[in-house]
Amino acid sequence: MTATVTLAHSGARFVVQGRQTILQAALAAGLDLDYSCMQGACGTCKALILAGDVEMEVDPDNKPAIGPKAIERGYRLLCISIPRSPFVEVDL
């Protein structure tokens, strides 16, 4: 799947392709997003999904640094999140 992601505050847009995570695509597009571990363990890349659908690919051997209440409110870790809709809007 190919998806276009928009960052709410800056209006920056970039494309995510295939199994690429939102963070990987943003960095490849030259955007400077906060991150540390790239594996969902630190929580630095937590962001609110304003529109669209994403799926976090959680490694069963590692607990992600985000709780169920944050997920219920629409937050995801961008380093392990893959778009599941053609358009996604993110609030960092």
N, C-alpha and C. Protein backbone atom coordinates (compact mmCIF):
# COMPACT_ATOMS: atom_id res chain seq x y z
N MET A 1 0.84 -1.18 0.00
CA MET A 1 0.00 0.00 0.00
C MET A 1 0.88 1.24 0.00
N THR A 2 0.42 2.25 -0.67
CA THR A 2 1.07 3.56 -0.65
C THR A 2 0.12 4.53 0.04
N ALA A 3 0.67 5.32 0.96
CA ALA A 3 -0.15 6.28 1.70
C ALA A 3 0.56 7.62 1.75
N THR A 4 -0.24 8.68 1.79
CA THR A 4 0.29 10.02 1.99
C THR A 4 0.02 10.42 3.43
N VAL A 5 1.08 10.87 4.11
CA VAL A 5 0.97 11.29 5.50
C VAL A 5 1.19 12.79 5.56
N THR A 6 0.34 13.48 6.31
CA THR A 6 0.47 14.92 6.52
C THR A 6 0.72 15.18 8.00
N LEU A 7 1.70 16.04 8.28
CA LEU A 7 1.95 16.47 9.65
C LEU A 7 1.10 17.70 9.91
N ALA A 8 0.24 17.65 10.89
CA ALA A 8 -0.79 18.67 11.12
C ALA A 8 -0.22 20.08 11.28
N HIS A 9 0.76 20.28 12.10
CA HIS A 9 1.23 21.64 12.40
C HIS A 9 2.05 22.26 11.29
N SER A 10 2.92 21.47 10.69
CA SER A 10 3.80 22.02 9.65
C SER A 10 3.18 21.94 8.26
N GLY A 11 2.24 21.02 8.07
CA GLY A 11 1.67 20.81 6.75
C GLY A 11 2.56 19.97 5.85
N ALA A 12 3.69 19.51 6.36
CA ALA A 12 4.59 18.68 5.57
C ALA A 12 3.89 17.39 5.17
N ARG A 13 4.16 16.95 3.94
CA ARG A 13 3.57 15.70 3.44
C ARG A 13 4.67 14.81 2.90
N PHE A 14 4.46 13.52 3.06
CA PHE A 14 5.40 12.55 2.53
C PHE A 14 4.66 11.25 2.25
N VAL A 15 5.29 10.39 1.48
CA VAL A 15 4.67 9.14 1.06
C VAL A 15 5.30 7.98 1.81
N VAL A 16 4.44 7.07 2.24
CA VAL A 16 4.86 5.82 2.89
C VAL A 16 4.52 4.70 1.91
N GLN A 17 5.51 3.85 1.65
CA GLN A 17 5.29 2.77 0.67
C GLN A 17 5.51 1.40 1.29
N GLY A 18 4.65 0.46 0.93
CA GLY A 18 4.80 -0.93 1.35
C GLY A 18 4.80 -1.10 2.85
N ARG A 19 5.80 -1.80 3.37
CA ARG A 19 5.90 -2.11 4.79
C ARG A 19 6.70 -1.06 5.56
N GLN A 20 6.95 0.07 4.94
CA GLN A 20 7.70 1.16 5.57
C GLN A 20 6.87 1.76 6.71
N THR A 21 7.53 2.09 7.82
CA THR A 21 6.83 2.76 8.91
C THR A 21 6.72 4.25 8.61
N ILE A 22 5.83 4.91 9.32
CA ILE A 22 5.67 6.36 9.14
C ILE A 22 6.97 7.08 9.46
N LEU A 23 7.65 6.67 10.53
CA LEU A 23 8.90 7.32 10.89
C LEU A 23 9.97 7.10 9.82
N GLN A 24 10.11 5.88 9.32
CA GLN A 24 11.09 5.61 8.28
C GLN A 24 10.85 6.50 7.06
N ALA A 25 9.60 6.63 6.66
CA ALA A 25 9.27 7.44 5.48
C ALA A 25 9.54 8.92 5.73
N ALA A 26 9.21 9.39 6.93
CA ALA A 26 9.46 10.80 7.25
C ALA A 26 10.95 11.12 7.22
N LEU A 27 11.76 10.24 7.79
CA LEU A 27 13.21 10.46 7.79
C LEU A 27 13.76 10.39 6.37
N ALA A 28 13.27 9.46 5.56
CA ALA A 28 13.71 9.34 4.17
C ALA A 28 13.34 10.58 3.37
N ALA A 29 12.25 11.26 3.76
CA ALA A 29 11.81 12.48 3.09
C ALA A 29 12.57 13.71 3.59
N GLY A 30 13.49 13.50 4.53
CA GLY A 30 14.30 14.60 5.03
C GLY A 30 13.69 15.38 6.19
N LEU A 31 12.62 14.85 6.79
CA LEU A 31 11.99 15.52 7.92
C LEU A 31 12.72 15.17 9.22
N ASP A 32 12.73 16.09 10.13
CA ASP A 32 13.44 15.91 11.41
C ASP A 32 12.42 15.65 12.51
N LEU A 33 12.08 14.38 12.71
CA LEU A 33 11.13 14.00 13.76
C LEU A 33 11.89 13.44 14.95
N ASP A 34 11.32 13.62 16.13
CA ASP A 34 11.94 13.07 17.34
C ASP A 34 11.77 11.55 17.37
N TYR A 35 12.87 10.86 17.66
CA TYR A 35 12.85 9.41 17.83
C TYR A 35 14.12 9.00 18.54
N SER A 36 14.14 7.77 19.00
CA SER A 36 15.34 7.26 19.65
C SER A 36 15.59 5.81 19.25
N CYS A 37 14.72 4.92 19.64
CA CYS A 37 15.02 3.49 19.51
C CYS A 37 14.64 2.86 18.17
N MET A 38 13.64 3.38 17.49
CA MET A 38 13.11 2.83 16.23
C MET A 38 12.44 1.45 16.40
N GLN A 39 12.14 1.06 17.64
CA GLN A 39 11.55 -0.26 17.87
C GLN A 39 10.33 -0.22 18.79
N GLY A 40 9.85 0.96 19.13
CA GLY A 40 8.68 1.06 20.00
C GLY A 40 8.97 0.96 21.48
N ALA A 41 10.23 0.95 21.87
CA ALA A 41 10.58 0.74 23.27
C ALA A 41 10.71 2.02 24.08
N CYS A 42 10.91 3.18 23.42
CA CYS A 42 11.19 4.40 24.19
C CYS A 42 10.01 5.36 24.27
N GLY A 43 9.13 5.37 23.28
CA GLY A 43 7.98 6.26 23.30
C GLY A 43 8.25 7.66 22.78
N THR A 44 9.45 7.95 22.34
CA THR A 44 9.80 9.30 21.88
C THR A 44 8.98 9.73 20.67
N CYS A 45 8.61 8.80 19.81
CA CYS A 45 7.91 9.13 18.57
C CYS A 45 6.39 9.04 18.69
N LYS A 46 5.87 9.06 19.90
CA LYS A 46 4.41 8.98 20.11
C LYS A 46 3.73 10.17 19.47
N ALA A 47 2.67 9.92 18.72
CA ALA A 47 1.93 10.98 18.04
C ALA A 47 0.45 10.62 17.98
N LEU A 48 -0.37 11.64 17.85
CA LEU A 48 -1.81 11.47 17.75
C LEU A 48 -2.20 11.32 16.29
N ILE A 49 -2.95 10.28 15.98
CA ILE A 49 -3.45 10.09 14.62
C ILE A 49 -4.78 10.83 14.52
N LEU A 50 -4.79 11.90 13.73
CA LEU A 50 -5.99 12.74 13.59
C LEU A 50 -6.95 12.21 12.53
N ALA A 51 -6.42 11.59 11.50
CA ALA A 51 -7.25 11.07 10.41
C ALA A 51 -6.56 9.86 9.80
N GLY A 52 -7.35 8.97 9.26
CA GLY A 52 -6.81 7.77 8.65
C GLY A 52 -6.64 6.66 9.67
N ASP A 53 -6.04 5.58 9.21
CA ASP A 53 -5.89 4.40 10.05
C ASP A 53 -4.46 3.90 9.94
N VAL A 54 -3.87 3.56 11.07
CA VAL A 54 -2.54 2.96 11.10
C VAL A 54 -2.57 1.75 12.01
N GLU A 55 -1.64 0.84 11.78
CA GLU A 55 -1.51 -0.34 12.61
C GLU A 55 -0.10 -0.36 13.18
N MET A 56 -0.01 -0.53 14.49
CA MET A 56 1.30 -0.67 15.11
C MET A 56 1.71 -2.14 15.03
N GLU A 57 2.87 -2.39 14.48
CA GLU A 57 3.39 -3.74 14.40
C GLU A 57 4.24 -4.00 15.63
N VAL A 58 3.63 -4.61 16.63
CA VAL A 58 4.27 -4.82 17.92
C VAL A 58 5.00 -6.16 17.91
N ASP A 59 6.26 -6.12 18.30
CA ASP A 59 7.06 -7.33 18.46
C ASP A 59 6.56 -8.05 19.71
N PRO A 60 6.14 -9.29 19.60
CA PRO A 60 5.59 -10.00 20.77
C PRO A 60 6.60 -10.16 21.91
N ASP A 61 7.89 -10.03 21.61
CA ASP A 61 8.91 -10.16 22.65
C ASP A 61 9.22 -8.85 23.37
N ASN A 62 8.69 -7.74 22.84
CA ASN A 62 8.95 -6.42 23.44
C ASN A 62 7.65 -5.69 23.69
N LYS A 63 7.47 -5.20 24.90
CA LYS A 63 6.29 -4.43 25.23
C LYS A 63 6.48 -3.00 24.70
N PRO A 64 5.52 -2.48 23.93
CA PRO A 64 5.68 -1.11 23.41
C PRO A 64 5.55 -0.06 24.52
N ALA A 65 6.19 1.06 24.30
CA ALA A 65 6.20 2.15 25.29
C ALA A 65 4.98 3.04 25.13
N ILE A 66 3.83 2.41 25.07
CA ILE A 66 2.56 3.14 24.98
C ILE A 66 1.50 2.25 25.63
N GLY A 67 0.66 2.86 26.44
CA GLY A 67 -0.35 2.10 27.16
C GLY A 67 -1.68 2.04 26.43
N PRO A 68 -2.55 1.16 26.88
CA PRO A 68 -3.85 1.00 26.23
C PRO A 68 -4.71 2.26 26.25
N LYS A 69 -4.62 3.06 27.31
CA LYS A 69 -5.42 4.29 27.36
C LYS A 69 -4.97 5.28 26.29
N ALA A 70 -3.66 5.41 26.07
CA ALA A 70 -3.16 6.30 25.02
C ALA A 70 -3.59 5.79 23.65
N ILE A 71 -3.56 4.50 23.46
CA ILE A 71 -3.99 3.92 22.19
C ILE A 71 -5.48 4.19 21.97
N GLU A 72 -6.29 4.05 23.00
CA GLU A 72 -7.72 4.34 22.90
C GLU A 72 -7.97 5.79 22.49
N ARG A 73 -7.12 6.71 22.94
CA ARG A 73 -7.27 8.13 22.60
C ARG A 73 -6.71 8.46 21.23
N GLY A 74 -6.12 7.48 20.54
CA GLY A 74 -5.66 7.68 19.17
C GLY A 74 -4.17 7.86 19.00
N TYR A 75 -3.40 7.68 20.06
CA TYR A 75 -1.95 7.81 19.96
C TYR A 75 -1.32 6.52 19.44
N ARG A 76 -0.24 6.69 18.68
CA ARG A 76 0.53 5.57 18.17
C ARG A 76 2.00 5.92 18.20
N LEU A 77 2.85 4.90 18.14
CA LEU A 77 4.29 5.08 18.02
C LEU A 77 4.63 5.03 16.53
N LEU A 78 5.14 6.12 15.99
CA LEU A 78 5.37 6.21 14.56
C LEU A 78 6.45 5.26 14.06
N CYS A 79 7.36 4.85 14.94
CA CYS A 79 8.45 3.97 14.52
C CYS A 79 7.98 2.55 14.22
N ILE A 80 6.80 2.17 14.70
CA ILE A 80 6.27 0.83 14.43
C ILE A 80 4.88 0.89 13.80
N SER A 81 4.50 2.07 13.28
CA SER A 81 3.16 2.24 12.71
C SER A 81 3.21 2.28 11.19
N ILE A 82 2.35 1.47 10.59
CA ILE A 82 2.23 1.39 9.14
C ILE A 82 0.82 1.82 8.76
N PRO A 83 0.69 2.73 7.78
CA PRO A 83 -0.64 3.18 7.36
C PRO A 83 -1.49 2.03 6.82
N ARG A 84 -2.76 2.08 7.12
CA ARG A 84 -3.74 1.13 6.62
C ARG A 84 -4.83 1.85 5.82
N SER A 85 -4.62 3.12 5.56
CA SER A 85 -5.53 3.90 4.72
C SER A 85 -4.67 4.78 3.81
N PRO A 86 -5.22 5.26 2.69
CA PRO A 86 -4.42 6.01 1.73
C PRO A 86 -3.94 7.37 2.23
N PHE A 87 -4.64 7.92 3.21
CA PHE A 87 -4.27 9.23 3.77
C PHE A 87 -4.28 9.14 5.29
N VAL A 88 -3.24 9.72 5.89
CA VAL A 88 -3.12 9.75 7.35
C VAL A 88 -2.68 11.15 7.75
N GLU A 89 -3.28 11.70 8.80
CA GLU A 89 -2.85 12.98 9.35
C GLU A 89 -2.39 12.75 10.78
N VAL A 90 -1.22 13.30 11.09
CA VAL A 90 -0.56 13.06 12.37
C VAL A 90 -0.30 14.38 13.08
N ASP A 91 -0.55 14.40 14.39
CA ASP A 91 -0.23 15.56 15.22
C ASP A 91 0.91 15.15 16.14
N LEU A 92 2.07 15.78 15.95
CA LEU A 92 3.26 15.42 16.75
C LEU A 92 3.23 16.09 18.09
